[in-house]
Amino acid sequence: MILIVCTGLLSGCAADYLNHYDSVTLAAGDTQKFNSLLQTVDPFNPASKNTRIEGDGTRAAAVANNYKFPPPPPPPPAINVNVGGAGSAVTTTP
């Protein structure tokens, strides 16, 4: 009796395992169409044939020059020190 119960329980697992196939079935849906579209080679964008780059050479040279030789950093801000009551702030620079 126990053998029949165990066989019945294990047959449910085997049936679930056999539902997974390694081949394309009717339940695959649009997978074949998706795979064919995924492997389709797209042509270049027509705008990529444009070799005329619009821009200002003088501005590009100035940007490159600022990159190579950056301007010095600005001086640090003034430090306000309050030494007494209200309105008696002393400004010092380091």
PDB file of N, CA and C in Angstrom:
ATOM      1  N   MET A   1       0.819  -1.182   0.000  1.00  0.00           N
ATOM      2  CA  MET A   1       0.000   0.000   0.000  1.00  0.00           C
ATOM      3  C   MET A   1       0.876   1.265   0.000  1.00  0.00           C
ATOM      4  N   ILE A   2       1.943   1.263   0.822  1.00  0.00           N
ATOM      5  CA  ILE A   2       2.843   2.412   0.897  1.00  0.00           C
ATOM      6  C   ILE A   2       3.554   2.601  -0.444  1.00  0.00           C
ATOM      7  N   LEU A   3       3.891   1.514  -1.096  1.00  0.00           N
ATOM      8  CA  LEU A   3       4.562   1.585  -2.393  1.00  0.00           C
ATOM      9  C   LEU A   3       3.667   2.255  -3.430  1.00  0.00           C
ATOM     10  N   ILE A   4       2.399   2.010  -3.419  1.00  0.00           N
ATOM     11  CA  ILE A   4       1.460   2.615  -4.372  1.00  0.00           C
ATOM     12  C   ILE A   4       1.334   4.122  -4.100  1.00  0.00           C
ATOM     13  N   VAL A   5       1.296   4.507  -2.839  1.00  0.00           N
ATOM     14  CA  VAL A   5       1.187   5.930  -2.495  1.00  0.00           C
ATOM     15  C   VAL A   5       2.447   6.683  -2.929  1.00  0.00           C
ATOM     16  N   CYS A   6       3.617   6.099  -2.670  1.00  0.00           N
ATOM     17  CA  CYS A   6       4.876   6.748  -3.077  1.00  0.00           C
ATOM     18  C   CYS A   6       4.971   6.849  -4.590  1.00  0.00           C
ATOM     19  N   THR A   7       4.549   5.816  -5.297  1.00  0.00           N
ATOM     20  CA  THR A   7       4.578   5.842  -6.762  1.00  0.00           C
ATOM     21  C   THR A   7       3.652   6.916  -7.293  1.00  0.00           C
ATOM     22  N   GLY A   8       2.496   7.061  -6.671  1.00  0.00           N
ATOM     23  CA  GLY A   8       1.550   8.098  -7.086  1.00  0.00           C
ATOM     24  C   GLY A   8       2.103   9.491  -6.867  1.00  0.00           C
ATOM     25  N   LEU A   9       2.793   9.713  -5.761  1.00  0.00           N
ATOM     26  CA  LEU A   9       3.382  11.026  -5.491  1.00  0.00           C
ATOM     27  C   LEU A   9       4.534  11.342  -6.445  1.00  0.00           C
ATOM     28  N   LEU A  10       5.354  10.372  -6.743  1.00  0.00           N
ATOM     29  CA  LEU A  10       6.496  10.590  -7.632  1.00  0.00           C
ATOM     30  C   LEU A  10       6.064  10.743  -9.086  1.00  0.00           C
ATOM     31  N   SER A  11       4.953  10.159  -9.473  1.00  0.00           N
ATOM     32  CA  SER A  11       4.513  10.287 -10.871  1.00  0.00           C
ATOM     33  C   SER A  11       4.094  11.722 -11.165  1.00  0.00           C
ATOM     34  N   GLY A  12       3.612  12.439 -10.160  1.00  0.00           N
ATOM     35  CA  GLY A  12       3.280  13.846 -10.365  1.00  0.00           C
ATOM     36  C   GLY A  12       4.521  14.672 -10.660  1.00  0.00           C
ATOM     37  N   CYS A  13       5.624  14.369 -10.011  1.00  0.00           N
ATOM     38  CA  CYS A  13       6.885  15.079 -10.265  1.00  0.00           C
ATOM     39  C   CYS A  13       7.416  14.753 -11.649  1.00  0.00           C
ATOM     40  N   ALA A  14       7.309  13.503 -12.051  1.00  0.00           N
ATOM     41  CA  ALA A  14       7.811  13.094 -13.360  1.00  0.00           C
ATOM     42  C   ALA A  14       6.992  13.721 -14.467  1.00  0.00           C
ATOM     43  N   ALA A  15       5.691  13.840 -14.278  1.00  0.00           N
ATOM     44  CA  ALA A  15       4.844  14.456 -15.295  1.00  0.00           C
ATOM     45  C   ALA A  15       5.206  15.930 -15.457  1.00  0.00           C
ATOM     46  N   ASP A  16       5.519  16.598 -14.357  1.00  0.00           N
ATOM     47  CA  ASP A  16       5.905  18.001 -14.436  1.00  0.00           C
ATOM     48  C   ASP A  16       7.262  18.146 -15.123  1.00  0.00           C
ATOM     49  N   TYR A  17       8.156  17.213 -14.890  1.00  0.00           N
ATOM     50  CA  TYR A  17       9.468  17.259 -15.520  1.00  0.00           C
ATOM     51  C   TYR A  17       9.354  17.030 -17.016  1.00  0.00           C
ATOM     52  N   LEU A  18       8.456  16.159 -17.454  1.00  0.00           N
ATOM     53  CA  LEU A  18       8.328  15.843 -18.876  1.00  0.00           C
ATOM     54  C   LEU A  18       7.659  16.969 -19.659  1.00  0.00           C
ATOM     55  N   ASN A  19       7.085  17.947 -18.989  1.00  0.00           N
ATOM     56  CA  ASN A  19       6.463  19.062 -19.706  1.00  0.00           C
ATOM     57  C   ASN A  19       7.497  20.058 -20.242  1.00  0.00           C
ATOM     58  N   HIS A  20       8.737  19.953 -19.844  1.00  0.00           N
ATOM     59  CA  HIS A  20       9.790  20.857 -20.302  1.00  0.00           C
ATOM     60  C   HIS A  20      10.543  20.184 -21.447  1.00  0.00           C
ATOM     61  N   TYR A  21      10.426  20.768 -22.641  1.00  0.00           N
ATOM     62  CA  TYR A  21      11.049  20.192 -23.833  1.00  0.00           C
ATOM     63  C   TYR A  21      12.269  21.021 -24.227  1.00  0.00           C
ATOM     64  N   ASP A  22      13.184  20.386 -24.926  1.00  0.00           N
ATOM     65  CA  ASP A  22      14.346  21.082 -25.457  1.00  0.00           C
ATOM     66  C   ASP A  22      14.160  21.436 -26.921  1.00  0.00           C
ATOM     67  N   SER A  23      12.968  21.404 -27.416  1.00  0.00           N
ATOM     68  CA  SER A  23      12.713  21.707 -28.819  1.00  0.00           C
ATOM     69  C   SER A  23      11.645  22.786 -28.917  1.00  0.00           C
ATOM     70  N   VAL A  24      11.445  23.297 -30.129  1.00  0.00           N
ATOM     71  CA  VAL A  24      10.435  24.316 -30.359  1.00  0.00           C
ATOM     72  C   VAL A  24       9.087  23.616 -30.488  1.00  0.00           C
ATOM     73  N   THR A  25       8.126  24.092 -29.741  1.00  0.00           N
ATOM     74  CA  THR A  25       6.796  23.498 -29.770  1.00  0.00           C
ATOM     75  C   THR A  25       5.778  24.542 -30.207  1.00  0.00           C
ATOM     76  N   LEU A  26       4.532  24.144 -30.317  1.00  0.00           N
ATOM     77  CA  LEU A  26       3.480  25.087 -30.673  1.00  0.00           C
ATOM     78  C   LEU A  26       3.249  26.109 -29.568  1.00  0.00           C
ATOM     79  N   ALA A  27       3.659  25.811 -28.352  1.00  0.00           N
ATOM     80  CA  ALA A  27       3.489  26.736 -27.234  1.00  0.00           C
ATOM     81  C   ALA A  27       4.578  27.801 -27.199  1.00  0.00           C
ATOM     82  N   ALA A  28       5.485  27.797 -28.175  1.00  0.00           N
ATOM     83  CA  ALA A  28       6.601  28.737 -28.167  1.00  0.00           C
ATOM     84  C   ALA A  28       6.158  30.154 -28.492  1.00  0.00           C
ATOM     85  N   GLY A  29       5.021  30.344 -29.117  1.00  0.00           N
ATOM     86  CA  GLY A  29       4.541  31.685 -29.434  1.00  0.00           C
ATOM     87  C   GLY A  29       5.335  32.293 -30.581  1.00  0.00           C
ATOM     88  N   ASP A  30       5.747  33.544 -30.428  1.00  0.00           N
ATOM     89  CA  ASP A  30       6.471  34.261 -31.480  1.00  0.00           C
ATOM     90  C   ASP A  30       7.972  34.209 -31.266  1.00  0.00           C
ATOM     91  N   THR A  31       8.474  33.192 -30.622  1.00  0.00           N
ATOM     92  CA  THR A  31       9.897  33.111 -30.328  1.00  0.00           C
ATOM     93  C   THR A  31      10.726  33.023 -31.601  1.00  0.00           C
ATOM     94  N   GLN A  32      10.263  32.243 -32.579  1.00  0.00           N
ATOM     95  CA  GLN A  32      11.024  32.128 -33.824  1.00  0.00           C
ATOM     96  C   GLN A  32      11.074  33.455 -34.561  1.00  0.00           C
ATOM     97  N   LYS A  33       9.956  34.167 -34.583  1.00  0.00           N
ATOM     98  CA  LYS A  33       9.928  35.481 -35.229  1.00  0.00           C
ATOM     99  C   LYS A  33      10.837  36.459 -34.483  1.00  0.00           C
ATOM    100  N   PHE A  34      10.803  36.417 -33.163  1.00  0.00           N
ATOM    101  CA  PHE A  34      11.643  37.287 -32.350  1.00  0.00           C
ATOM    102  C   PHE A  34      13.120  37.011 -32.620  1.00  0.00           C
ATOM    103  N   ASN A  35      13.499  35.732 -32.675  1.00  0.00           N
ATOM    104  CA  ASN A  35      14.909  35.399 -32.905  1.00  0.00           C
ATOM    105  C   ASN A  35      15.358  35.825 -34.295  1.00  0.00           C
ATOM    106  N   SER A  36      14.485  35.698 -35.293  1.00  0.00           N
ATOM    107  CA  SER A  36      14.886  36.121 -36.641  1.00  0.00           C
ATOM    108  C   SER A  36      15.028  37.636 -36.712  1.00  0.00           C
ATOM    109  N   LEU A  37      14.160  38.377 -36.019  1.00  0.00           N
ATOM    110  CA  LEU A  37      14.289  39.833 -36.006  1.00  0.00           C
ATOM    111  C   LEU A  37      15.495  40.278 -35.183  1.00  0.00           C
ATOM    112  N   LEU A  38      15.827  39.506 -34.159  1.00  0.00           N
ATOM    113  CA  LEU A  38      16.970  39.850 -33.322  1.00  0.00           C
ATOM    114  C   LEU A  38      18.280  39.742 -34.095  1.00  0.00           C
ATOM    115  N   GLN A  39      18.349  38.814 -35.037  1.00  0.00           N
ATOM    116  CA  GLN A  39      19.582  38.581 -35.782  1.00  0.00           C
ATOM    117  C   GLN A  39      19.631  39.335 -37.104  1.00  0.00           C
ATOM    118  N   THR A  40      18.635  40.159 -37.391  1.00  0.00           N
ATOM    119  CA  THR A  40      18.622  40.946 -38.610  1.00  0.00           C
ATOM    120  C   THR A  40      19.611  42.090 -38.474  1.00  0.00           C
ATOM    121  N   VAL A  41      20.444  42.274 -39.470  1.00  0.00           N
ATOM    122  CA  VAL A  41      21.445  43.340 -39.452  1.00  0.00           C
ATOM    123  C   VAL A  41      20.784  44.623 -39.926  1.00  0.00           C
ATOM    124  N   ASP A  42      20.841  45.657 -39.102  1.00  0.00           N
ATOM    125  CA  ASP A  42      20.269  46.946 -39.459  1.00  0.00           C
ATOM    126  C   ASP A  42      21.287  47.736 -40.268  1.00  0.00           C
ATOM    127  N   PRO A  43      20.847  48.420 -41.327  1.00  0.00           N
ATOM    128  CA  PRO A  43      21.781  49.258 -42.086  1.00  0.00           C
ATOM    129  C   PRO A  43      22.152  50.493 -41.277  1.00  0.00           C
ATOM    130  N   PHE A  44      23.207  51.157 -41.708  1.00  0.00           N
ATOM    131  CA  PHE A  44      23.628  52.377 -41.033  1.00  0.00           C
ATOM    132  C   PHE A  44      22.551  53.444 -41.153  1.00  0.00           C
ATOM    133  N   ASN A  45      22.553  54.335 -40.220  1.00  0.00           N
ATOM    134  CA  ASN A  45      21.669  55.480 -40.272  1.00  0.00           C
ATOM    135  C   ASN A  45      22.096  56.352 -41.447  1.00  0.00           C
ATOM    136  N   PRO A  46      21.172  56.802 -42.305  1.00  0.00           N
ATOM    137  CA  PRO A  46      21.570  57.633 -43.450  1.00  0.00           C
ATOM    138  C   PRO A  46      22.314  58.904 -43.041  1.00  0.00           C
ATOM    139  N   ALA A  47      22.035  59.421 -41.854  1.00  0.00           N
ATOM    140  CA  ALA A  47      22.709  60.641 -41.412  1.00  0.00           C
ATOM    141  C   ALA A  47      24.179  60.389 -41.093  1.00  0.00           C
ATOM    142  N   SER A  48      24.590  59.126 -40.965  1.00  0.00           N
ATOM    143  CA  SER A  48      25.989  58.848 -40.646  1.00  0.00           C
ATOM    144  C   SER A  48      26.902  59.085 -41.845  1.00  0.00           C
ATOM    145  N   LYS A  49      26.336  59.251 -43.028  1.00  0.00           N
ATOM    146  CA  LYS A  49      27.149  59.532 -44.224  1.00  0.00           C
ATOM    147  C   LYS A  49      27.552  60.998 -44.306  1.00  0.00           C
ATOM    148  N   ASN A  50      26.984  61.849 -43.459  1.00  0.00           N
ATOM    149  CA  ASN A  50      27.294  63.273 -43.459  1.00  0.00           C
ATOM    150  C   ASN A  50      28.677  63.473 -42.848  1.00  0.00           C
ATOM    151  N   THR A  51      29.629  63.904 -43.660  1.00  0.00           N
ATOM    152  CA  THR A  51      30.996  64.111 -43.175  1.00  0.00           C
ATOM    153  C   THR A  51      31.269  65.565 -42.817  1.00  0.00           C
ATOM    154  N   ARG A  52      30.299  66.434 -43.018  1.00  0.00           N
ATOM    155  CA  ARG A  52      30.478  67.851 -42.685  1.00  0.00           C
ATOM    156  C   ARG A  52      30.093  68.049 -41.220  1.00  0.00           C
ATOM    157  N   ILE A  53      31.081  68.301 -40.394  1.00  0.00           N
ATOM    158  CA  ILE A  53      30.845  68.517 -38.972  1.00  0.00           C
ATOM    159  C   ILE A  53      30.669  70.007 -38.746  1.00  0.00           C
ATOM    160  N   GLU A  54      29.496  70.358 -38.259  1.00  0.00           N
ATOM    161  CA  GLU A  54      29.220  71.768 -38.033  1.00  0.00           C
ATOM    162  C   GLU A  54      29.807  72.181 -36.694  1.00  0.00           C
ATOM    163  N   GLY A  55      30.582  73.238 -36.706  1.00  0.00           N
ATOM    164  CA  GLY A  55      31.188  73.727 -35.478  1.00  0.00           C
ATOM    165  C   GLY A  55      32.148  74.853 -35.770  1.00  0.00           C
ATOM    166  N   ASP A  56      32.591  75.488 -34.723  1.00  0.00           N
ATOM    167  CA  ASP A  56      33.480  76.631 -34.839  1.00  0.00           C
ATOM    168  C   ASP A  56      34.884  76.193 -34.433  1.00  0.00           C
ATOM    169  N   GLY A  57      35.838  76.291 -35.339  1.00  0.00           N
ATOM    170  CA  GLY A  57      37.198  75.863 -35.064  1.00  0.00           C
ATOM    171  C   GLY A  57      37.881  76.713 -34.014  1.00  0.00           C
ATOM    172  N   THR A  58      37.609  78.009 -34.010  1.00  0.00           N
ATOM    173  CA  THR A  58      38.220  78.907 -33.032  1.00  0.00           C
ATOM    174  C   THR A  58      37.758  78.551 -31.628  1.00  0.00           C
ATOM    175  N   ARG A  59      36.460  78.277 -31.490  1.00  0.00           N
ATOM    176  CA  ARG A  59      35.924  77.907 -30.175  1.00  0.00           C
ATOM    177  C   ARG A  59      36.481  76.566 -29.722  1.00  0.00           C
ATOM    178  N   ALA A  60      36.598  75.607 -30.649  1.00  0.00           N
ATOM    179  CA  ALA A  60      37.144  74.296 -30.296  1.00  0.00           C
ATOM    180  C   ALA A  60      38.610  74.417 -29.875  1.00  0.00           C
ATOM    181  N   ALA A  61      39.373  75.277 -30.545  1.00  0.00           N
ATOM    182  CA  ALA A  61      40.773  75.473 -30.182  1.00  0.00           C
ATOM    183  C   ALA A  61      40.885  76.122 -28.801  1.00  0.00           C
ATOM    184  N   ALA A  62      39.982  77.059 -28.482  1.00  0.00           N
ATOM    185  CA  ALA A  62      40.010  77.703 -27.161  1.00  0.00           C
ATOM    186  C   ALA A  62      39.682  76.699 -26.066  1.00  0.00           C
ATOM    187  N   VAL A  63      38.725  75.810 -26.335  1.00  0.00           N
ATOM    188  CA  VAL A  63      38.368  74.794 -25.341  1.00  0.00           C
ATOM    189  C   VAL A  63      39.542  73.841 -25.128  1.00  0.00           C
ATOM    190  N   ALA A  64      40.212  73.438 -26.211  1.00  0.00           N
ATOM    191  CA  ALA A  64      41.364  72.546 -26.083  1.00  0.00           C
ATOM    192  C   ALA A  64      42.501  73.230 -25.337  1.00  0.00           C
ATOM    193  N   ASN A  65      42.705  74.500 -25.589  1.00  0.00           N
ATOM    194  CA  ASN A  65      43.757  75.251 -24.906  1.00  0.00           C
ATOM    195  C   ASN A  65      43.449  75.380 -23.409  1.00  0.00           C
ATOM    196  N   ASN A  66      42.169  75.620 -23.070  1.00  0.00           N
ATOM    197  CA  ASN A  66      41.789  75.698 -21.647  1.00  0.00           C
ATOM    198  C   ASN A  66      41.926  74.343 -20.974  1.00  0.00           C
ATOM    199  N   TYR A  67      41.765  73.281 -21.724  1.00  0.00           N
ATOM    200  CA  TYR A  67      41.930  71.949 -21.155  1.00  0.00           C
ATOM    201  C   TYR A  67      43.403  71.667 -20.865  1.00  0.00           C
ATOM    202  N   LYS A  68      44.278  72.052 -21.805  1.00  0.00           N
ATOM    203  CA  LYS A  68      45.712  71.817 -21.608  1.00  0.00           C
ATOM    204  C   LYS A  68      46.285  72.721 -20.527  1.00  0.00           C
ATOM    205  N   PHE A  69      45.885  73.988 -20.531  1.00  0.00           N
ATOM    206  CA  PHE A  69      46.407  74.973 -19.587  1.00  0.00           C
ATOM    207  C   PHE A  69      45.228  75.627 -18.864  1.00  0.00           C
ATOM    208  N   PRO A  70      44.740  75.021 -17.801  1.00  0.00           N
ATOM    209  CA  PRO A  70      43.557  75.589 -17.121  1.00  0.00           C
ATOM    210  C   PRO A  70      43.894  76.910 -16.454  1.00  0.00           C
ATOM    211  N   PRO A  71      42.890  77.798 -16.360  1.00  0.00           N
ATOM    212  CA  PRO A  71      43.140  79.079 -15.694  1.00  0.00           C
ATOM    213  C   PRO A  71      43.339  78.850 -14.197  1.00  0.00           C
ATOM    214  N   PRO A  72      44.039  79.779 -13.524  1.00  0.00           N
ATOM    215  CA  PRO A  72      44.276  79.596 -12.075  1.00  0.00           C
ATOM    216  C   PRO A  72      42.950  79.663 -11.316  1.00  0.00           C
ATOM    217  N   PRO A  73      42.881  78.973 -10.183  1.00  0.00           N
ATOM    218  CA  PRO A  73      41.643  78.997  -9.410  1.00  0.00           C
ATOM    219  C   PRO A  73      41.408  80.377  -8.796  1.00  0.00           C
ATOM    220  N   PRO A  74      40.152  80.727  -8.528  1.00  0.00           N
ATOM    221  CA  PRO A  74      39.876  82.044  -7.936  1.00  0.00           C
ATOM    222  C   PRO A  74      40.370  82.077  -6.492  1.00  0.00           C
ATOM    223  N   PRO A  75      40.643  83.270  -5.957  1.00  0.00           N
ATOM    224  CA  PRO A  75      41.122  83.369  -4.569  1.00  0.00           C
ATOM    225  C   PRO A  75      40.028  82.914  -3.605  1.00  0.00           C
ATOM    226  N   PRO A  76      40.416  82.433  -2.436  1.00  0.00           N
ATOM    227  CA  PRO A  76      39.403  81.977  -1.472  1.00  0.00           C
ATOM    228  C   PRO A  76      38.562  83.152  -0.987  1.00  0.00           C
ATOM    229  N   PRO A  77      37.332  82.899  -0.598  1.00  0.00           N
ATOM    230  CA  PRO A  77      36.474  84.004  -0.136  1.00  0.00           C
ATOM    231  C   PRO A  77      36.956  84.550   1.202  1.00  0.00           C
ATOM    232  N   ALA A  78      36.563  85.779   1.487  1.00  0.00           N
ATOM    233  CA  ALA A  78      36.940  86.433   2.753  1.00  0.00           C
ATOM    234  C   ALA A  78      36.251  85.720   3.913  1.00  0.00           C
ATOM    235  N   ILE A  79      36.934  85.707   5.065  1.00  0.00           N
ATOM    236  CA  ILE A  79      36.404  85.051   6.257  1.00  0.00           C
ATOM    237  C   ILE A  79      35.866  86.133   7.186  1.00  0.00           C
ATOM    238  N   ASN A  80      34.619  85.999   7.583  1.00  0.00           N
ATOM    239  CA  ASN A  80      34.010  86.950   8.514  1.00  0.00           C
ATOM    240  C   ASN A  80      34.093  86.371   9.927  1.00  0.00           C
ATOM    241  N   VAL A  81      34.663  87.150  10.836  1.00  0.00           N
ATOM    242  CA  VAL A  81      34.794  86.723  12.232  1.00  0.00           C
ATOM    243  C   VAL A  81      34.020  87.706  13.090  1.00  0.00           C
ATOM    244  N   ASN A  82      33.085  87.207  13.879  1.00  0.00           N
ATOM    245  CA  ASN A  82      32.293  88.059  14.761  1.00  0.00           C
ATOM    246  C   ASN A  82      32.943  88.029  16.150  1.00  0.00           C
ATOM    247  N   VAL A  83      33.474  89.192  16.580  1.00  0.00           N
ATOM    248  CA  VAL A  83      34.227  89.237  17.822  1.00  0.00           C
ATOM    249  C   VAL A  83      33.436  89.888  18.935  1.00  0.00           C
ATOM    250  N   GLY A  84      32.351  90.450  18.696  1.00  0.00           N
ATOM    251  CA  GLY A  84      31.633  91.137  19.746  1.00  0.00           C
ATOM    252  C   GLY A  84      30.143  90.980  19.569  1.00  0.00           C
ATOM    253  N   GLY A  85      29.471  92.067  19.787  1.00  0.00           N
ATOM    254  CA  GLY A  85      28.028  92.064  19.673  1.00  0.00           C
ATOM    255  C   GLY A  85      27.578  92.107  18.223  1.00  0.00           C
ATOM    256  N   ALA A  86      26.327  92.415  18.050  1.00  0.00           N
ATOM    257  CA  ALA A  86      25.746  92.443  16.707  1.00  0.00           C
ATOM    258  C   ALA A  86      26.319  93.589  15.894  1.00  0.00           C
ATOM    259  N   GLY A  87      26.650  93.307  14.665  1.00  0.00           N
ATOM    260  CA  GLY A  87      27.112  94.339  13.750  1.00  0.00           C
ATOM    261  C   GLY A  87      28.578  94.668  13.858  1.00  0.00           C
ATOM    262  N   SER A  88      29.349  93.989  14.671  1.00  0.00           N
ATOM    263  CA  SER A  88      30.761  94.299  14.792  1.00  0.00           C
ATOM    264  C   SER A  88      31.597  93.166  14.155  1.00  0.00           C
ATOM    265  N   ALA A  89      31.311  92.860  12.921  1.00  0.00           N
ATOM    266  CA  ALA A  89      32.040  91.804  12.222  1.00  0.00           C
ATOM    267  C   ALA A  89      33.348  92.342  11.681  1.00  0.00           C
ATOM    268  N   VAL A  90      34.386  91.563  11.781  1.00  0.00           N
ATOM    269  CA  VAL A  90      35.718  91.927  11.273  1.00  0.00           C
ATOM    270  C   VAL A  90      36.011  91.022  10.084  1.00  0.00           C
ATOM    271  N   THR A  91      36.376  91.593   8.965  1.00  0.00           N
ATOM    272  CA  THR A  91      36.690  90.827   7.773  1.00  0.00           C
ATOM    273  C   THR A  91      38.186  90.701   7.648  1.00  0.00           C
ATOM    274  N   THR A  92      38.635  89.469   7.562  1.00  0.00           N
ATOM    275  CA  THR A  92      40.080  89.220   7.398  1.00  0.00           C
ATOM    276  C   THR A  92      40.259  88.356   6.159  1.00  0.00           C
ATOM    277  N   THR A  93      41.410  88.490   5.548  1.00  0.00           N
ATOM    278  CA  THR A  93      41.746  87.658   4.391  1.00  0.00           C
ATOM    279  C   THR A  93      42.978  86.842   4.751  1.00  0.00           C
ATOM    280  N   PRO A  94      42.972  85.575   4.395  1.00  0.00           N
ATOM    281  CA  PRO A  94      44.150  84.737   4.727  1.00  0.00           C
ATOM    282  C   PRO A  94      45.350  85.040   3.879  1.00  0.00           C
TER     283      PRO A  94
END
